[in-house]
Amino acid sequence: MRIVLKIGGSLIQDEKGDIRIERLAEYAKVVLKLRKEKKEVACIIVGGGKTARKYIEAARKLGAAEGLCDEIGIRAAQLNAQIMIGALDKEAYPTIPETLQEVAGAAATGKIVLAGGLQPGQSTNAVAALVAERIKADILINATDVDGVYTKDPKKDPSAEKLDKVTINEIQEIINEKGFFAGKYELFDPVALKILERSKISTWIINGEDPKSILKIVAGEKLGTRIVY
């Protein structure tokens, strides 16, 4: 089994922007356990988290264009990815790829590849989808700070209902209400949806507060929300 894992930045940084060291260590243990079981976590894409949002907000207030704000978010995500390299030590590819071609080349070495953003205009969710398609992954696991896709924002609306399965069109309808700006890609952006629609990669959106949830998904348990085609 070849796996691409997307870890939201909010899972490895708290609201103050401090790094959750124990959480990162637990993710590393899970990934290495899967590796020993011959289930290849080929690539881990990491989001920018609080650091990205803080710098993007500052840049935006100073009048920066959205393209520049995207570039700032990319750098923040790459910084978080580099921390993960430290956690995985010798099992990790030693540098952060900056293009899809570099990701594919790094993955071919057999090392675990860590990456952040790749180019402006797309989220790290889109990067994860592109990477999963490019390296022919069997499954894409998107670990977030909520336990799946909801009909509304569960943090703001208690009437929101969790969906066990969701289609691309249903996700599109949910996110159309939010709009897209740098640092605000909470679920998926249009690029990610188009990639998933054409590649039809088995994709799960789960709560990553407990990294062991990844083991459960790989073992076939039903958690979070599955994207169906």
Foldseek 3Di string as FASTA:
>chain_A
DEEEEEEEQCLQAPLVRDGPVVLLLLLLVLQVVCVVVVHHHLEYEYWLPNQLVVVLVVCVVVPDDLQVSQVSRQVSRLVVQQVSCVSNDPLADNHEDQALVVSLVSSVVNGYHYYYDRHPPFHSLLVSLSNCLVNVGQEYEYAAQDAADWQAPVVVDVVIDFALEEELVSVCVHCVVPDDTRPPCRDGDPSNSVSCVVRVHWYFYGHCNPVCVVVCVVVPHRTYYTYGD
